[in-house]
Amino acid sequence: MWVGNGTQDKESWVGDAGESPTNKKEMPRSDKKAKEQPMEIYKEFRIEAAHRLPHVPDGHKCARLHGHSFRIVLVLDGPLAEPQGWVCDFADLTAAFAPLHAQLDHHYLNEIEGLENPTSENLARWVWQRLSPALPLLSRVTIRETCSAGCSFSGD
């Protein structure tokens, strides 16, 4: 039998000599908890898009039209669904993002409703607002506009 010492992460096996937890029908509490605790999964998408930032000071380089190879990472938190053993089918995540990909990829972001000022922060919020109704386990949207710059948004 598994016994605890008052903390959830400290458990010991108490049984007859030669017995082990693997030959008992009872599952250790830590294994049961693992199925109940949220798992974090993510899927990364890439878009190529042009934009300019209309509210930066005169002479700022981002005021000029330019483009990025954006990476958009969608993070979901949730319990493992049984019997599949996953939080969400990655194919469902791809299908949910597909309409946004079509709207963003190889487009001028400033011309998309809601992205008139297409900072990475505003793009992350824009993606969140469109995906969170269809993806209730969505916990974070990360936008990487370069290899060293980006942002994360975790909901309104």
N, C-alpha and C. Protein backbone atom coordinates (compact mmCIF):
# COMPACT_ATOMS: atom_id res chain seq x y z
N MET A 1 0.85 -1.16 0.00
CA MET A 1 0.00 0.00 0.00
C MET A 1 0.89 1.23 0.00
N TRP A 2 0.41 2.28 -0.64
CA TRP A 2 1.14 3.55 -0.68
C TRP A 2 0.68 4.38 0.51
N VAL A 3 1.62 4.95 1.22
CA VAL A 3 1.27 5.83 2.34
C VAL A 3 2.02 7.14 2.17
N GLY A 4 1.39 8.20 2.60
CA GLY A 4 2.01 9.51 2.51
C GLY A 4 2.49 9.97 3.86
N ASN A 5 3.36 10.97 3.83
CA ASN A 5 3.86 11.50 5.08
C ASN A 5 3.29 12.90 5.35
N GLY A 6 2.14 13.18 4.74
CA GLY A 6 1.52 14.47 4.96
C GLY A 6 1.72 15.44 3.81
N THR A 7 2.62 15.10 2.89
CA THR A 7 2.79 15.94 1.71
C THR A 7 2.43 15.11 0.50
N GLN A 8 1.95 15.74 -0.52
CA GLN A 8 1.48 15.01 -1.69
C GLN A 8 2.60 14.41 -2.51
N ASP A 9 3.79 14.98 -2.43
CA ASP A 9 4.86 14.46 -3.29
C ASP A 9 5.77 13.46 -2.58
N LYS A 10 5.53 13.19 -1.32
CA LYS A 10 6.35 12.24 -0.58
C LYS A 10 5.50 11.03 -0.21
N GLU A 11 5.71 9.92 -0.91
CA GLU A 11 4.96 8.71 -0.63
C GLU A 11 5.95 7.54 -0.54
N SER A 12 5.58 6.54 0.22
CA SER A 12 6.43 5.36 0.38
C SER A 12 5.59 4.11 0.19
N TRP A 13 6.25 3.04 -0.22
CA TRP A 13 5.60 1.75 -0.35
C TRP A 13 5.76 1.01 0.96
N VAL A 14 4.64 0.54 1.50
CA VAL A 14 4.66 -0.26 2.72
C VAL A 14 3.97 -1.57 2.38
N GLY A 15 4.69 -2.67 2.49
CA GLY A 15 4.09 -3.96 2.16
C GLY A 15 4.95 -5.09 2.69
N ASP A 16 4.52 -6.31 2.43
CA ASP A 16 5.26 -7.48 2.87
C ASP A 16 6.56 -7.58 2.10
N ALA A 17 7.51 -8.29 2.66
CA ALA A 17 8.79 -8.50 1.99
C ALA A 17 8.54 -9.13 0.62
N GLY A 18 9.19 -8.66 -0.37
CA GLY A 18 9.04 -9.20 -1.71
C GLY A 18 7.92 -8.56 -2.51
N GLU A 19 7.03 -7.83 -1.84
CA GLU A 19 5.96 -7.15 -2.56
C GLU A 19 6.50 -5.84 -3.12
N SER A 20 5.97 -5.47 -4.23
CA SER A 20 6.34 -4.18 -4.81
C SER A 20 5.08 -3.50 -5.31
N PRO A 21 5.14 -2.19 -5.56
CA PRO A 21 3.94 -1.51 -6.03
C PRO A 21 3.51 -1.97 -7.42
N THR A 22 4.40 -2.57 -8.17
CA THR A 22 4.05 -2.98 -9.53
C THR A 22 3.19 -4.23 -9.55
N ASN A 23 3.21 -5.05 -8.49
CA ASN A 23 2.36 -6.23 -8.52
C ASN A 23 1.09 -6.04 -7.68
N LYS A 24 0.76 -4.82 -7.36
CA LYS A 24 -0.48 -4.50 -6.67
C LYS A 24 -1.45 -3.87 -7.65
N LYS A 25 -2.74 -4.03 -7.39
CA LYS A 25 -3.75 -3.46 -8.27
C LYS A 25 -3.89 -1.96 -8.07
N GLU A 26 -3.57 -1.46 -6.89
CA GLU A 26 -3.73 -0.04 -6.61
C GLU A 26 -2.63 0.77 -7.30
N MET A 27 -3.03 1.82 -8.01
CA MET A 27 -2.05 2.68 -8.69
C MET A 27 -1.53 3.70 -7.70
N PRO A 28 -0.23 3.97 -7.71
CA PRO A 28 0.30 5.00 -6.81
C PRO A 28 -0.41 6.33 -7.06
N ARG A 29 -0.60 7.08 -5.98
CA ARG A 29 -1.27 8.36 -6.09
C ARG A 29 -0.57 9.28 -7.08
N SER A 30 0.75 9.26 -7.14
CA SER A 30 1.47 10.16 -8.04
C SER A 30 1.11 9.86 -9.50
N ASP A 31 0.88 8.59 -9.87
CA ASP A 31 0.48 8.27 -11.24
C ASP A 31 -0.94 8.73 -11.51
N LYS A 32 -1.83 8.57 -10.54
CA LYS A 32 -3.20 9.05 -10.70
C LYS A 32 -3.20 10.56 -10.90
N LYS A 33 -2.41 11.25 -10.09
CA LYS A 33 -2.37 12.71 -10.18
C LYS A 33 -1.83 13.16 -11.53
N ALA A 34 -0.89 12.41 -12.10
CA ALA A 34 -0.31 12.80 -13.39
C ALA A 34 -1.38 12.88 -14.47
N LYS A 35 -2.36 11.99 -14.44
CA LYS A 35 -3.42 12.02 -15.44
C LYS A 35 -4.38 13.17 -15.21
N GLU A 36 -4.48 13.64 -13.97
CA GLU A 36 -5.40 14.72 -13.64
C GLU A 36 -4.75 16.09 -13.81
N GLN A 37 -3.43 16.17 -13.69
CA GLN A 37 -2.75 17.46 -13.79
C GLN A 37 -2.68 17.91 -15.23
N PRO A 38 -2.76 19.22 -15.43
CA PRO A 38 -2.69 19.73 -16.80
C PRO A 38 -1.35 19.45 -17.47
N MET A 39 -1.42 19.19 -18.73
CA MET A 39 -0.26 19.01 -19.57
C MET A 39 -0.22 20.23 -20.49
N GLU A 40 0.96 20.70 -20.82
CA GLU A 40 1.09 21.82 -21.75
C GLU A 40 1.56 21.28 -23.09
N ILE A 41 0.83 21.64 -24.14
CA ILE A 41 1.24 21.27 -25.49
C ILE A 41 1.33 22.54 -26.32
N TYR A 42 2.07 22.48 -27.41
CA TYR A 42 2.15 23.64 -28.28
C TYR A 42 2.29 23.22 -29.72
N LYS A 43 1.93 24.13 -30.59
CA LYS A 43 2.07 23.93 -32.04
C LYS A 43 2.55 25.25 -32.60
N GLU A 44 3.56 25.18 -33.45
CA GLU A 44 4.14 26.38 -34.04
C GLU A 44 3.73 26.50 -35.50
N PHE A 45 3.38 27.71 -35.88
CA PHE A 45 3.02 28.03 -37.26
C PHE A 45 3.91 29.15 -37.74
N ARG A 46 4.08 29.24 -39.04
CA ARG A 46 4.89 30.31 -39.63
C ARG A 46 4.08 31.06 -40.66
N ILE A 47 4.27 32.37 -40.66
CA ILE A 47 3.67 33.20 -41.69
C ILE A 47 4.73 34.18 -42.18
N GLU A 48 4.60 34.59 -43.40
CA GLU A 48 5.41 35.66 -43.98
C GLU A 48 4.44 36.80 -44.20
N ALA A 49 4.77 37.98 -43.66
CA ALA A 49 3.85 39.10 -43.79
C ALA A 49 4.59 40.42 -43.73
N ALA A 50 4.01 41.41 -44.37
CA ALA A 50 4.54 42.77 -44.35
C ALA A 50 3.71 43.62 -43.40
N HIS A 51 4.35 44.63 -42.84
CA HIS A 51 3.63 45.60 -42.01
C HIS A 51 4.48 46.85 -41.85
N ARG A 52 3.88 47.84 -41.27
CA ARG A 52 4.58 49.03 -40.82
C ARG A 52 3.87 49.47 -39.55
N LEU A 53 4.60 50.13 -38.68
CA LEU A 53 4.01 50.59 -37.43
C LEU A 53 3.70 52.08 -37.55
N PRO A 54 2.42 52.43 -37.54
CA PRO A 54 2.02 53.82 -37.81
C PRO A 54 2.21 54.78 -36.64
N HIS A 55 2.44 54.30 -35.43
CA HIS A 55 2.48 55.19 -34.27
C HIS A 55 3.87 55.30 -33.64
N VAL A 56 4.91 55.06 -34.41
CA VAL A 56 6.28 55.22 -33.90
C VAL A 56 6.78 56.61 -34.30
N PRO A 57 7.80 57.10 -33.63
CA PRO A 57 8.32 58.44 -33.95
C PRO A 57 8.85 58.53 -35.38
N ASP A 58 8.85 59.74 -35.91
CA ASP A 58 9.42 59.98 -37.24
C ASP A 58 10.84 59.45 -37.28
N GLY A 59 11.18 58.81 -38.38
CA GLY A 59 12.52 58.27 -38.55
C GLY A 59 12.73 56.88 -37.97
N HIS A 60 11.77 56.36 -37.23
CA HIS A 60 11.91 55.01 -36.65
C HIS A 60 11.88 54.00 -37.79
N LYS A 61 12.78 53.01 -37.75
CA LYS A 61 12.87 52.04 -38.85
C LYS A 61 11.59 51.26 -39.06
N CYS A 62 10.80 51.06 -38.02
CA CYS A 62 9.57 50.27 -38.16
C CYS A 62 8.42 51.07 -38.78
N ALA A 63 8.64 52.38 -38.98
CA ALA A 63 7.63 53.17 -39.68
C ALA A 63 7.63 52.86 -41.17
N ARG A 64 8.74 52.32 -41.66
CA ARG A 64 8.83 51.96 -43.08
C ARG A 64 8.21 50.58 -43.30
N LEU A 65 7.70 50.38 -44.49
CA LEU A 65 7.17 49.08 -44.86
C LEU A 65 8.29 48.04 -44.82
N HIS A 66 8.04 46.93 -44.15
CA HIS A 66 9.01 45.85 -44.05
C HIS A 66 8.26 44.55 -43.75
N GLY A 67 8.96 43.46 -43.77
CA GLY A 67 8.31 42.17 -43.54
C GLY A 67 9.06 41.33 -42.53
N HIS A 68 8.39 40.30 -42.08
CA HIS A 68 8.97 39.36 -41.12
C HIS A 68 8.55 37.94 -41.48
N SER A 69 9.36 37.02 -41.06
CA SER A 69 8.99 35.59 -41.05
C SER A 69 8.51 35.31 -39.64
N PHE A 70 7.25 35.59 -39.39
CA PHE A 70 6.68 35.43 -38.05
C PHE A 70 6.55 33.96 -37.69
N ARG A 71 6.81 33.66 -36.44
CA ARG A 71 6.48 32.35 -35.87
C ARG A 71 5.39 32.58 -34.83
N ILE A 72 4.33 31.82 -34.95
CA ILE A 72 3.20 31.94 -34.03
C ILE A 72 3.08 30.60 -33.30
N VAL A 73 3.20 30.64 -31.98
CA VAL A 73 3.14 29.43 -31.16
C VAL A 73 1.86 29.48 -30.34
N LEU A 74 1.05 28.44 -30.49
CA LEU A 74 -0.18 28.30 -29.71
C LEU A 74 0.06 27.27 -28.62
N VAL A 75 -0.23 27.64 -27.38
CA VAL A 75 -0.01 26.76 -26.23
C VAL A 75 -1.37 26.44 -25.62
N LEU A 76 -1.60 25.16 -25.37
CA LEU A 76 -2.82 24.70 -24.72
C LEU A 76 -2.44 24.00 -23.42
N ASP A 77 -3.23 24.21 -22.38
CA ASP A 77 -3.06 23.53 -21.10
C ASP A 77 -4.33 22.76 -20.82
N GLY A 78 -4.18 21.50 -20.44
CA GLY A 78 -5.37 20.73 -20.10
C GLY A 78 -5.01 19.33 -19.68
N PRO A 79 -6.00 18.62 -19.18
CA PRO A 79 -5.78 17.23 -18.77
C PRO A 79 -5.68 16.32 -20.00
N LEU A 80 -5.09 15.19 -19.83
CA LEU A 80 -5.03 14.21 -20.90
C LEU A 80 -6.42 13.61 -21.10
N ALA A 81 -6.89 13.63 -22.33
CA ALA A 81 -8.17 13.01 -22.66
C ALA A 81 -7.94 11.50 -22.79
N GLU A 82 -8.83 10.76 -22.23
CA GLU A 82 -8.74 9.30 -22.33
C GLU A 82 -9.83 8.82 -23.27
N PRO A 83 -9.62 7.83 -24.07
CA PRO A 83 -8.45 6.95 -24.08
C PRO A 83 -7.33 7.44 -24.99
N GLN A 84 -7.48 8.60 -25.63
CA GLN A 84 -6.48 9.06 -26.60
C GLN A 84 -5.11 9.31 -25.97
N GLY A 85 -5.10 9.81 -24.75
CA GLY A 85 -3.83 10.10 -24.09
C GLY A 85 -3.22 11.42 -24.54
N TRP A 86 -4.06 12.34 -25.02
CA TRP A 86 -3.54 13.64 -25.45
C TRP A 86 -4.44 14.75 -24.91
N VAL A 87 -3.92 15.96 -24.95
CA VAL A 87 -4.68 17.14 -24.55
C VAL A 87 -5.60 17.56 -25.69
N CYS A 88 -5.05 17.55 -26.91
CA CYS A 88 -5.79 17.96 -28.10
C CYS A 88 -5.10 17.32 -29.30
N ASP A 89 -5.85 16.91 -30.25
CA ASP A 89 -5.28 16.40 -31.50
C ASP A 89 -4.61 17.56 -32.22
N PHE A 90 -3.33 17.42 -32.54
CA PHE A 90 -2.61 18.49 -33.24
C PHE A 90 -3.28 18.83 -34.57
N ALA A 91 -3.94 17.86 -35.19
CA ALA A 91 -4.65 18.13 -36.44
C ALA A 91 -5.81 19.10 -36.21
N ASP A 92 -6.48 19.00 -35.06
CA ASP A 92 -7.55 19.93 -34.72
C ASP A 92 -7.01 21.33 -34.48
N LEU A 93 -5.84 21.40 -33.88
CA LEU A 93 -5.20 22.69 -33.64
C LEU A 93 -4.81 23.35 -34.98
N THR A 94 -4.28 22.55 -35.88
CA THR A 94 -3.92 23.05 -37.22
C THR A 94 -5.16 23.52 -37.96
N ALA A 95 -6.24 22.76 -37.88
CA ALA A 95 -7.49 23.14 -38.55
C ALA A 95 -8.06 24.44 -37.98
N ALA A 96 -7.95 24.63 -36.67
CA ALA A 96 -8.46 25.86 -36.05
C ALA A 96 -7.66 27.07 -36.51
N PHE A 97 -6.35 26.89 -36.71
CA PHE A 97 -5.50 28.02 -37.11
C PHE A 97 -5.56 28.29 -38.62
N ALA A 98 -5.97 27.33 -39.42
CA ALA A 98 -5.92 27.45 -40.88
C ALA A 98 -6.58 28.72 -41.42
N PRO A 99 -7.78 29.11 -40.96
CA PRO A 99 -8.36 30.34 -41.50
C PRO A 99 -7.54 31.59 -41.19
N LEU A 100 -6.92 31.62 -40.03
CA LEU A 100 -6.06 32.76 -39.69
C LEU A 100 -4.80 32.76 -40.53
N HIS A 101 -4.24 31.58 -40.75
CA HIS A 101 -3.06 31.47 -41.61
C HIS A 101 -3.36 32.03 -42.99
N ALA A 102 -4.50 31.66 -43.53
CA ALA A 102 -4.89 32.15 -44.87
C ALA A 102 -5.07 33.66 -44.87
N GLN A 103 -5.54 34.20 -43.78
CA GLN A 103 -5.78 35.64 -43.69
C GLN A 103 -4.48 36.43 -43.50
N LEU A 104 -3.48 35.83 -42.85
CA LEU A 104 -2.25 36.53 -42.50
C LEU A 104 -1.09 36.30 -43.46
N ASP A 105 -0.93 35.06 -43.90
CA ASP A 105 0.27 34.69 -44.65
C ASP A 105 0.34 35.42 -46.00
N HIS A 106 1.48 36.05 -46.25
CA HIS A 106 1.74 36.82 -47.47
C HIS A 106 0.73 37.93 -47.69
N HIS A 107 0.37 38.59 -46.59
CA HIS A 107 -0.52 39.74 -46.65
C HIS A 107 0.12 40.93 -45.93
N TYR A 108 -0.44 42.11 -46.20
CA TYR A 108 -0.04 43.35 -45.55
C TYR A 108 -0.90 43.48 -44.30
N LEU A 109 -0.32 43.26 -43.13
CA LEU A 109 -1.08 43.17 -41.89
C LEU A 109 -1.90 44.42 -41.60
N ASN A 110 -1.39 45.59 -41.94
CA ASN A 110 -2.10 46.84 -41.66
C ASN A 110 -3.47 46.90 -42.33
N GLU A 111 -3.68 46.11 -43.38
CA GLU A 111 -4.96 46.12 -44.10
C GLU A 111 -5.98 45.14 -43.53
N ILE A 112 -5.61 44.40 -42.51
CA ILE A 112 -6.51 43.42 -41.90
C ILE A 112 -7.23 44.09 -40.73
N GLU A 113 -8.55 43.95 -40.72
CA GLU A 113 -9.36 44.57 -39.66
C GLU A 113 -8.86 44.12 -38.29
N GLY A 114 -8.60 45.10 -37.44
CA GLY A 114 -8.10 44.82 -36.09
C GLY A 114 -6.59 44.86 -36.00
N LEU A 115 -5.91 44.93 -37.13
CA LEU A 115 -4.44 44.96 -37.13
C LEU A 115 -3.90 46.24 -37.80
N GLU A 116 -4.63 47.32 -37.67
CA GLU A 116 -4.18 48.57 -38.27
C GLU A 116 -2.86 49.05 -37.66
N ASN A 117 -2.59 48.65 -36.43
CA ASN A 117 -1.31 48.92 -35.75
C ASN A 117 -0.72 47.55 -35.37
N PRO A 118 -0.11 46.86 -36.35
CA PRO A 118 0.25 45.45 -36.16
C PRO A 118 1.57 45.20 -35.43
N THR A 119 1.61 45.64 -34.17
CA THR A 119 2.75 45.26 -33.33
C THR A 119 2.63 43.77 -33.02
N SER A 120 3.70 43.19 -32.56
CA SER A 120 3.63 41.77 -32.15
C SER A 120 2.61 41.59 -31.04
N GLU A 121 2.54 42.55 -30.13
CA GLU A 121 1.59 42.47 -29.03
C GLU A 121 0.15 42.47 -29.55
N ASN A 122 -0.14 43.37 -30.48
CA ASN A 122 -1.49 43.42 -31.04
C ASN A 122 -1.81 42.19 -31.87
N LEU A 123 -0.83 41.66 -32.56
CA LEU A 123 -1.04 40.43 -33.34
C LEU A 123 -1.34 39.25 -32.40
N ALA A 124 -0.62 39.15 -31.29
CA ALA A 124 -0.87 38.07 -30.32
C ALA A 124 -2.29 38.16 -29.78
N ARG A 125 -2.72 39.37 -29.41
CA ARG A 125 -4.09 39.55 -28.89
C ARG A 125 -5.12 39.24 -29.98
N TRP A 126 -4.86 39.66 -31.22
CA TRP A 126 -5.76 39.41 -32.35
C TRP A 126 -5.94 37.91 -32.57
N VAL A 127 -4.84 37.16 -32.56
CA VAL A 127 -4.90 35.70 -32.72
C VAL A 127 -5.69 35.09 -31.56
N TRP A 128 -5.39 35.51 -30.33
CA TRP A 128 -6.09 34.99 -29.15
C TRP A 128 -7.60 35.19 -29.28
N GLN A 129 -8.02 36.39 -29.62
CA GLN A 129 -9.44 36.71 -29.69
C GLN A 129 -10.17 35.85 -30.71
N ARG A 130 -9.49 35.46 -31.76
CA ARG A 130 -10.14 34.66 -32.80
C ARG A 130 -10.09 33.16 -32.52
N LEU A 131 -9.09 32.71 -31.78
CA LEU A 131 -8.95 31.27 -31.53
C LEU A 131 -9.53 30.80 -30.19
N SER A 132 -9.54 31.65 -29.18
CA SER A 132 -9.95 31.18 -27.86
C SER A 132 -11.38 30.64 -27.82
N PRO A 133 -12.35 31.16 -28.60
CA PRO A 133 -13.68 30.54 -28.56
C PRO A 133 -13.67 29.09 -29.07
N ALA A 134 -12.84 28.79 -30.06
CA ALA A 134 -12.78 27.44 -30.62
C ALA A 134 -11.81 26.53 -29.86
N LEU A 135 -10.89 27.14 -29.12
CA LEU A 135 -9.87 26.38 -28.38
C LEU A 135 -9.93 26.77 -26.91
N PRO A 136 -10.87 26.21 -26.16
CA PRO A 136 -11.03 26.62 -24.75
C PRO A 136 -9.81 26.32 -23.88
N LEU A 137 -8.92 25.43 -24.32
CA LEU A 137 -7.73 25.13 -23.54
C LEU A 137 -6.54 26.03 -23.90
N LEU A 138 -6.77 26.98 -24.82
CA LEU A 138 -5.70 27.90 -25.21
C LEU A 138 -5.24 28.68 -23.99
N SER A 139 -3.94 28.66 -23.72
CA SER A 139 -3.42 29.35 -22.55
C SER A 139 -2.43 30.46 -22.90
N ARG A 140 -1.86 30.40 -24.11
CA ARG A 140 -0.87 31.41 -24.48
C ARG A 140 -0.69 31.44 -25.99
N VAL A 141 -0.50 32.64 -26.51
CA VAL A 141 -0.12 32.85 -27.91
C VAL A 141 1.21 33.59 -27.88
N THR A 142 2.20 33.03 -28.53
CA THR A 142 3.52 33.67 -28.61
C THR A 142 3.78 34.05 -30.06
N ILE A 143 4.22 35.27 -30.26
CA ILE A 143 4.59 35.78 -31.57
C ILE A 143 6.09 36.04 -31.56
N ARG A 144 6.79 35.47 -32.51
CA ARG A 144 8.23 35.76 -32.69
C ARG A 144 8.37 36.45 -34.04
N GLU A 145 8.71 37.73 -34.03
CA GLU A 145 8.85 38.44 -35.30
C GLU A 145 10.28 38.37 -35.82
N THR A 146 11.23 38.10 -34.95
CA THR A 146 12.61 37.84 -35.37
C THR A 146 13.11 36.71 -34.48
N CYS A 147 14.35 36.30 -34.71
CA CYS A 147 14.90 35.21 -33.90
C CYS A 147 15.16 35.65 -32.46
N SER A 148 15.16 36.96 -32.21
CA SER A 148 15.46 37.42 -30.86
C SER A 148 14.40 38.35 -30.26
N ALA A 149 13.28 38.53 -30.94
CA ALA A 149 12.26 39.45 -30.41
C ALA A 149 10.87 38.88 -30.60
N GLY A 150 10.04 39.04 -29.60
CA GLY A 150 8.67 38.58 -29.69
C GLY A 150 7.92 38.88 -28.41
N CYS A 151 6.74 38.31 -28.28
CA CYS A 151 5.93 38.52 -27.08
C CYS A 151 5.00 37.33 -26.88
N SER A 152 4.45 37.24 -25.67
CA SER A 152 3.47 36.21 -25.36
C SER A 152 2.25 36.88 -24.74
N PHE A 153 1.07 36.36 -25.07
CA PHE A 153 -0.19 36.87 -24.55
C PHE A 153 -0.97 35.70 -23.97
N SER A 154 -1.49 35.90 -22.75
CA SER A 154 -2.22 34.83 -22.07
C SER A 154 -3.68 35.14 -21.81
N GLY A 155 -4.27 35.95 -22.64
CA GLY A 155 -5.71 36.15 -22.56
C GLY A 155 -6.14 37.47 -22.00
N ASP A 156 -7.39 37.80 -22.32
CA ASP A 156 -7.99 39.07 -21.86
C ASP A 156 -8.54 38.91 -20.46
